Amino acid sequence: MDEIYKKIKDLRLQNGLTLKELSERTELSISFLSQIERGTTSLAITSLKKIADALNTKISEFFDDPPNGNYMVKKNDQKPFQIKSSESTYVRLNGEFTGRTLEPIMVTYAPSQKQTQKFGHPGEEFYYVLKGFVIFHIDGKEYVVREGDSIHFPSTCPHTVENPFNEESILLSVLTPVIF
């Protein structure tokens, strides 16, 4: 994770941006961005996405794994990763090619995991429950999505997800725009 913080600072400096300018582009406070660059705070995926967009790069640039340059992703090449501030585990399932607009990801939610902060952002989200069940709170409505069920919604709707199950829940997710 320390490499991500260093890469953020390096990219900011390469782009000739001050913390104040990055703050204006991301709507994140200067003090929070400073803490991120020093590695003294956790970083939510939504904040990382805002920073990546402001620096004209993809989130995947902050991770060490180079693109595989292939349409197919073999099981052995699927590397799970976590974002420091999240209990979820993610696995990228995408091939690598220019112009890719979909972000297929396998998401594992920890037992009794609950998001408390609602998010709304451009794009669409699709989830198919492979194991367990989750509850989505979307635009003030609650959706119980069980194994074999799916849900698809515009990401602009404020939303959270929780796993009320005492075991992990695994979902196939396809998002737009590309974030990793």
C-alpha atoms as a PDB file:
ATOM      1  CA  MET A   1       0.000   0.000   0.000  1.00  0.00           C
ATOM      2  CA  ASP A   2       2.907   2.365   0.707  1.00  0.00           C
ATOM      3  CA  GLU A   3       3.771   2.226  -3.011  1.00  0.00           C
ATOM      4  CA  ILE A   4       0.320   3.606  -3.875  1.00  0.00           C
ATOM      5  CA  TYR A   5       0.847   6.654  -1.660  1.00  0.00           C
ATOM      6  CA  LYS A   6       4.259   7.284  -3.215  1.00  0.00           C
ATOM      7  CA  LYS A   7       2.872   6.875  -6.752  1.00  0.00           C
ATOM      8  CA  ILE A   8       0.117   9.391  -6.025  1.00  0.00           C
ATOM      9  CA  LYS A   9       2.664  11.990  -4.935  1.00  0.00           C
ATOM     10  CA  ASP A  10       4.997  11.194  -7.861  1.00  0.00           C
ATOM     11  CA  LEU A  11       2.157  11.512 -10.396  1.00  0.00           C
ATOM     12  CA  ARG A  12       0.954  14.755  -8.810  1.00  0.00           C
ATOM     13  CA  LEU A  13       4.442  16.236  -9.083  1.00  0.00           C
ATOM     14  CA  GLN A  14       4.895  14.926 -12.647  1.00  0.00           C
ATOM     15  CA  ASN A  15       1.668  16.715 -13.558  1.00  0.00           C
ATOM     16  CA  GLY A  16       2.995  19.895 -11.949  1.00  0.00           C
ATOM     17  CA  LEU A  17       0.114  20.090  -9.479  1.00  0.00           C
ATOM     18  CA  THR A  18       0.144  21.491  -5.970  1.00  0.00           C
ATOM     19  CA  LEU A  19      -1.881  19.826  -3.238  1.00  0.00           C
ATOM     20  CA  LYS A  20      -4.303  22.748  -3.497  1.00  0.00           C
ATOM     21  CA  GLU A  21      -4.825  22.160  -7.241  1.00  0.00           C
ATOM     22  CA  LEU A  22      -5.322  18.419  -6.699  1.00  0.00           C
ATOM     23  CA  SER A  23      -7.782  19.243  -3.910  1.00  0.00           C
ATOM     24  CA  GLU A  24      -9.790  21.448  -6.269  1.00  0.00           C
ATOM     25  CA  ARG A  25      -9.876  18.712  -8.936  1.00  0.00           C
ATOM     26  CA  THR A  26     -10.856  15.918  -6.531  1.00  0.00           C
ATOM     27  CA  GLU A  27     -12.991  17.817  -3.993  1.00  0.00           C
ATOM     28  CA  LEU A  28     -10.843  16.149  -1.295  1.00  0.00           C
ATOM     29  CA  SER A  29      -9.315  18.367   1.384  1.00  0.00           C
ATOM     30  CA  ILE A  30      -5.665  19.443   1.182  1.00  0.00           C
ATOM     31  CA  SER A  31      -4.971  17.960   4.618  1.00  0.00           C
ATOM     32  CA  PHE A  32      -6.511  14.605   3.600  1.00  0.00           C
ATOM     33  CA  LEU A  33      -4.441  14.516   0.391  1.00  0.00           C
ATOM     34  CA  SER A  34      -1.311  15.346   2.384  1.00  0.00           C
ATOM     35  CA  GLN A  35      -2.070  12.476   4.778  1.00  0.00           C
ATOM     36  CA  ILE A  36      -2.585  10.145   1.805  1.00  0.00           C
ATOM     37  CA  GLU A  37       0.772  11.090   0.286  1.00  0.00           C
ATOM     38  CA  ARG A  38       2.477  10.471   3.633  1.00  0.00           C
ATOM     39  CA  GLY A  39       0.658   7.144   4.064  1.00  0.00           C
ATOM     40  CA  THR A  40      -0.831   8.161   7.415  1.00  0.00           C
ATOM     41  CA  THR A  41      -4.494   7.569   6.509  1.00  0.00           C
ATOM     42  CA  SER A  42      -6.524   4.893   4.786  1.00  0.00           C
ATOM     43  CA  LEU A  43      -7.817   5.450   1.286  1.00  0.00           C
ATOM     44  CA  ALA A  44     -11.276   4.478   0.027  1.00  0.00           C
ATOM     45  CA  ILE A  45     -11.620   3.214  -3.537  1.00  0.00           C
ATOM     46  CA  THR A  46     -13.864   6.192  -4.375  1.00  0.00           C
ATOM     47  CA  SER A  47     -11.169   8.634  -3.236  1.00  0.00           C
ATOM     48  CA  LEU A  48      -8.534   6.728  -5.211  1.00  0.00           C
ATOM     49  CA  LYS A  49     -10.792   6.941  -8.292  1.00  0.00           C
ATOM     50  CA  LYS A  50     -11.153  10.735  -7.858  1.00  0.00           C
ATOM     51  CA  ILE A  51      -7.370  11.082  -7.570  1.00  0.00           C
ATOM     52  CA  ALA A  52      -6.747   8.856 -10.604  1.00  0.00           C
ATOM     53  CA  ASP A  53      -9.229  10.885 -12.684  1.00  0.00           C
ATOM     54  CA  ALA A  54      -7.632  14.164 -11.571  1.00  0.00           C
ATOM     55  CA  LEU A  55      -4.208  12.814 -12.564  1.00  0.00           C
ATOM     56  CA  ASN A  56      -5.535  11.497 -15.920  1.00  0.00           C
ATOM     57  CA  THR A  57      -4.664   7.888 -15.125  1.00  0.00           C
ATOM     58  CA  LYS A  58      -6.397   4.604 -14.307  1.00  0.00           C
ATOM     59  CA  ILE A  59      -6.453   3.171 -10.794  1.00  0.00           C
ATOM     60  CA  SER A  60      -4.484   0.183 -12.102  1.00  0.00           C
ATOM     61  CA  GLU A  61      -1.458   2.496 -12.463  1.00  0.00           C
ATOM     62  CA  PHE A  62      -1.204   2.530  -8.666  1.00  0.00           C
ATOM     63  CA  PHE A  63      -0.819  -1.248  -8.454  1.00  0.00           C
ATOM     64  CA  ASP A  64       2.314  -3.199  -9.312  1.00  0.00           C
ATOM     65  CA  ASP A  65       0.809  -5.822 -11.633  1.00  0.00           C
ATOM     66  CA  PRO A  66       1.549  -4.898 -15.262  1.00  0.00           C
ATOM     67  CA  PRO A  67      -1.209  -5.484 -17.839  1.00  0.00           C
ATOM     68  CA  ASN A  68      -1.140  -8.991 -19.289  1.00  0.00           C
ATOM     69  CA  GLY A  69      -1.766  -7.815 -22.888  1.00  0.00           C
ATOM     70  CA  ASN A  70      -4.236 -10.622 -23.468  1.00  0.00           C
ATOM     71  CA  TYR A  71      -7.996 -11.021 -23.870  1.00  0.00           C
ATOM     72  CA  MET A  72      -8.089 -14.085 -21.634  1.00  0.00           C
ATOM     73  CA  VAL A  73      -7.398 -14.108 -17.904  1.00  0.00           C
ATOM     74  CA  LYS A  74      -6.466 -17.544 -16.617  1.00  0.00           C
ATOM     75  CA  LYS A  75      -7.447 -18.528 -13.101  1.00  0.00           C
ATOM     76  CA  ASN A  76      -3.787 -18.575 -11.982  1.00  0.00           C
ATOM     77  CA  ASP A  77      -3.399 -14.965 -13.147  1.00  0.00           C
ATOM     78  CA  GLN A  78      -6.357 -13.697 -11.108  1.00  0.00           C
ATOM     79  CA  LYS A  79      -4.728 -11.995  -8.124  1.00  0.00           C
ATOM     80  CA  PRO A  80      -6.957 -10.947  -5.207  1.00  0.00           C
ATOM     81  CA  PHE A  81      -6.305  -7.535  -3.683  1.00  0.00           C
ATOM     82  CA  GLN A  82      -7.789  -5.296  -1.028  1.00  0.00           C
ATOM     83  CA  ILE A  83      -8.119  -1.569  -0.583  1.00  0.00           C
ATOM     84  CA  LYS A  84      -6.794  -0.570   2.847  1.00  0.00           C
ATOM     85  CA  SER A  85     -10.026   0.975   4.108  1.00  0.00           C
ATOM     86  CA  SER A  86     -12.270  -1.868   2.898  1.00  0.00           C
ATOM     87  CA  GLU A  87     -12.994  -5.353   4.181  1.00  0.00           C
ATOM     88  CA  SER A  88     -13.855  -6.464   0.623  1.00  0.00           C
ATOM     89  CA  THR A  89     -11.517  -8.525  -1.516  1.00  0.00           C
ATOM     90  CA  TYR A  90     -11.429  -7.849  -5.260  1.00  0.00           C
ATOM     91  CA  VAL A  91     -10.229  -9.919  -8.222  1.00  0.00           C
ATOM     92  CA  ARG A  92      -9.839  -8.295 -11.649  1.00  0.00           C
ATOM     93  CA  LEU A  93     -11.344 -10.453 -14.404  1.00  0.00           C
ATOM     94  CA  ASN A  94     -10.748  -8.195 -17.399  1.00  0.00           C
ATOM     95  CA  GLY A  95      -8.621  -8.692 -20.466  1.00  0.00           C
ATOM     96  CA  GLU A  96      -6.376  -5.848 -21.563  1.00  0.00           C
ATOM     97  CA  PHE A  97      -7.110  -3.887 -24.725  1.00  0.00           C
ATOM     98  CA  THR A  98      -7.456  -0.289 -25.837  1.00  0.00           C
ATOM     99  CA  GLY A  99     -10.895   1.251 -25.434  1.00  0.00           C
ATOM    100  CA  ARG A 100     -12.110  -1.142 -22.734  1.00  0.00           C
ATOM    101  CA  THR A 101     -15.277   0.280 -21.110  1.00  0.00           C
ATOM    102  CA  LEU A 102     -16.412  -2.529 -18.774  1.00  0.00           C
ATOM    103  CA  GLU A 103     -14.837  -3.419 -15.431  1.00  0.00           C
ATOM    104  CA  PRO A 104     -15.554  -7.076 -14.532  1.00  0.00           C
ATOM    105  CA  ILE A 105     -14.555  -7.854 -10.951  1.00  0.00           C
ATOM    106  CA  MET A 106     -15.214 -10.632  -8.456  1.00  0.00           C
ATOM    107  CA  VAL A 107     -16.005  -9.078  -5.081  1.00  0.00           C
ATOM    108  CA  THR A 108     -15.948 -10.966  -1.792  1.00  0.00           C
ATOM    109  CA  TYR A 109     -17.754  -9.298   1.087  1.00  0.00           C
ATOM    110  CA  ALA A 110     -16.612 -10.310   4.584  1.00  0.00           C
ATOM    111  CA  PRO A 111     -19.148 -11.759   7.032  1.00  0.00           C
ATOM    112  CA  SER A 112     -21.366  -9.013   8.498  1.00  0.00           C
ATOM    113  CA  GLN A 113     -19.625  -6.338   6.384  1.00  0.00           C
ATOM    114  CA  LYS A 114     -21.595  -3.109   6.015  1.00  0.00           C
ATOM    115  CA  GLN A 115     -20.824   0.079   4.112  1.00  0.00           C
ATOM    116  CA  THR A 116     -21.940   3.135   6.008  1.00  0.00           C
ATOM    117  CA  GLN A 117     -21.070   5.876   3.518  1.00  0.00           C
ATOM    118  CA  LYS A 118     -23.391   6.181   0.509  1.00  0.00           C
ATOM    119  CA  PHE A 119     -21.725   6.627  -2.847  1.00  0.00           C
ATOM    120  CA  GLY A 120     -23.001   8.045  -6.102  1.00  0.00           C
ATOM    121  CA  HIS A 121     -20.820   8.421  -9.193  1.00  0.00           C
ATOM    122  CA  PRO A 122     -21.058   8.262 -12.983  1.00  0.00           C
ATOM    123  CA  GLY A 123     -21.600   4.876 -14.639  1.00  0.00           C
ATOM    124  CA  GLU A 124     -23.525   1.648 -14.139  1.00  0.00           C
ATOM    125  CA  GLU A 125     -23.163  -1.306 -11.781  1.00  0.00           C
ATOM    126  CA  PHE A 126     -24.228  -4.910 -12.300  1.00  0.00           C
ATOM    127  CA  TYR A 127     -23.890  -7.616  -9.643  1.00  0.00           C
ATOM    128  CA  TYR A 128     -24.667 -11.350  -9.764  1.00  0.00           C
ATOM    129  CA  VAL A 129     -24.552 -13.198  -6.433  1.00  0.00           C
ATOM    130  CA  LEU A 130     -22.470 -16.370  -6.743  1.00  0.00           C
ATOM    131  CA  LYS A 131     -22.517 -17.263  -3.029  1.00  0.00           C
ATOM    132  CA  GLY A 132     -24.426 -15.957   0.006  1.00  0.00           C
ATOM    133  CA  PHE A 133     -26.608 -12.869  -0.179  1.00  0.00           C
ATOM    134  CA  VAL A 134     -26.278  -9.125   0.214  1.00  0.00           C
ATOM    135  CA  ILE A 135     -28.550  -6.166   0.771  1.00  0.00           C
ATOM    136  CA  PHE A 136     -28.208  -3.162  -1.531  1.00  0.00           C
ATOM    137  CA  HIS A 137     -29.556   0.199  -0.398  1.00  0.00           C
ATOM    138  CA  ILE A 138     -30.120   2.198  -3.579  1.00  0.00           C
ATOM    139  CA  ASP A 139     -31.716   5.607  -3.687  1.00  0.00           C
ATOM    140  CA  GLY A 140     -33.623   4.986  -0.455  1.00  0.00           C
ATOM    141  CA  LYS A 141     -34.862   1.467  -1.335  1.00  0.00           C
ATOM    142  CA  GLU A 142     -33.647  -1.880   0.017  1.00  0.00           C
ATOM    143  CA  TYR A 143     -32.967  -4.857  -2.267  1.00  0.00           C
ATOM    144  CA  VAL A 144     -32.190  -8.320  -0.865  1.00  0.00           C
ATOM    145  CA  VAL A 145     -30.109 -10.046  -3.548  1.00  0.00           C
ATOM    146  CA  ARG A 146     -29.668 -13.775  -2.974  1.00  0.00           C
ATOM    147  CA  GLU A 147     -27.490 -16.433  -4.602  1.00  0.00           C
ATOM    148  CA  GLY A 148     -28.469 -16.632  -8.276  1.00  0.00           C
ATOM    149  CA  ASP A 149     -30.091 -13.155  -8.261  1.00  0.00           C
ATOM    150  CA  SER A 150     -28.704 -10.095  -9.977  1.00  0.00           C
ATOM    151  CA  ILE A 151     -29.099  -6.343  -9.690  1.00  0.00           C
ATOM    152  CA  HIS A 152     -28.245  -3.611 -12.227  1.00  0.00           C
ATOM    153  CA  PHE A 153     -28.523   0.119 -11.521  1.00  0.00           C
ATOM    154  CA  PRO A 154     -27.135   3.526 -12.500  1.00  0.00           C
ATOM    155  CA  SER A 155     -24.199   4.360 -10.233  1.00  0.00           C
ATOM    156  CA  THR A 156     -25.441   7.928  -9.951  1.00  0.00           C
ATOM    157  CA  CYS A 157     -28.042   6.684  -7.422  1.00  0.00           C
ATOM    158  CA  PRO A 158     -26.649   6.921  -3.882  1.00  0.00           C
ATOM    159  CA  HIS A 159     -25.949   3.342  -2.800  1.00  0.00           C
ATOM    160  CA  THR A 160     -24.420   1.071  -0.180  1.00  0.00           C
ATOM    161  CA  VAL A 161     -24.160  -2.691   0.203  1.00  0.00           C
ATOM    162  CA  GLU A 162     -24.036  -4.944   3.228  1.00  0.00           C
ATOM    163  CA  ASN A 163     -23.481  -8.627   3.851  1.00  0.00           C
ATOM    164  CA  PRO A 164     -25.738  -9.542   6.803  1.00  0.00           C
ATOM    165  CA  PHE A 165     -24.694 -13.183   6.413  1.00  0.00           C
ATOM    166  CA  ASN A 166     -22.294 -14.734   8.955  1.00  0.00           C
ATOM    167  CA  GLU A 167     -20.255 -16.118   6.038  1.00  0.00           C
ATOM    168  CA  GLU A 168     -18.574 -14.358   3.131  1.00  0.00           C
ATOM    169  CA  SER A 169     -20.678 -13.473   0.094  1.00  0.00           C
ATOM    170  CA  ILE A 170     -19.178 -13.557  -3.397  1.00  0.00           C
ATOM    171  CA  LEU A 171     -20.476 -11.453  -6.276  1.00  0.00           C
ATOM    172  CA  LEU A 172     -19.588 -11.061  -9.924  1.00  0.00           C
ATOM    173  CA  SER A 173     -19.592  -7.349 -10.654  1.00  0.00           C
ATOM    174  CA  VAL A 174     -19.455  -5.512 -13.959  1.00  0.00           C
ATOM    175  CA  LEU A 175     -18.996  -1.740 -13.675  1.00  0.00           C
ATOM    176  CA  THR A 176     -18.614   1.294 -15.841  1.00  0.00           C
ATOM    177  CA  PRO A 177     -16.459   3.283 -16.117  1.00  0.00           C
ATOM    178  CA  VAL A 178     -13.225   1.334 -15.930  1.00  0.00           C
ATOM    179  CA  ILE A 179     -11.586   2.021 -12.548  1.00  0.00           C
ATOM    180  CA  PHE A 180      -8.760  -0.545 -12.319  1.00  0.00           C
END
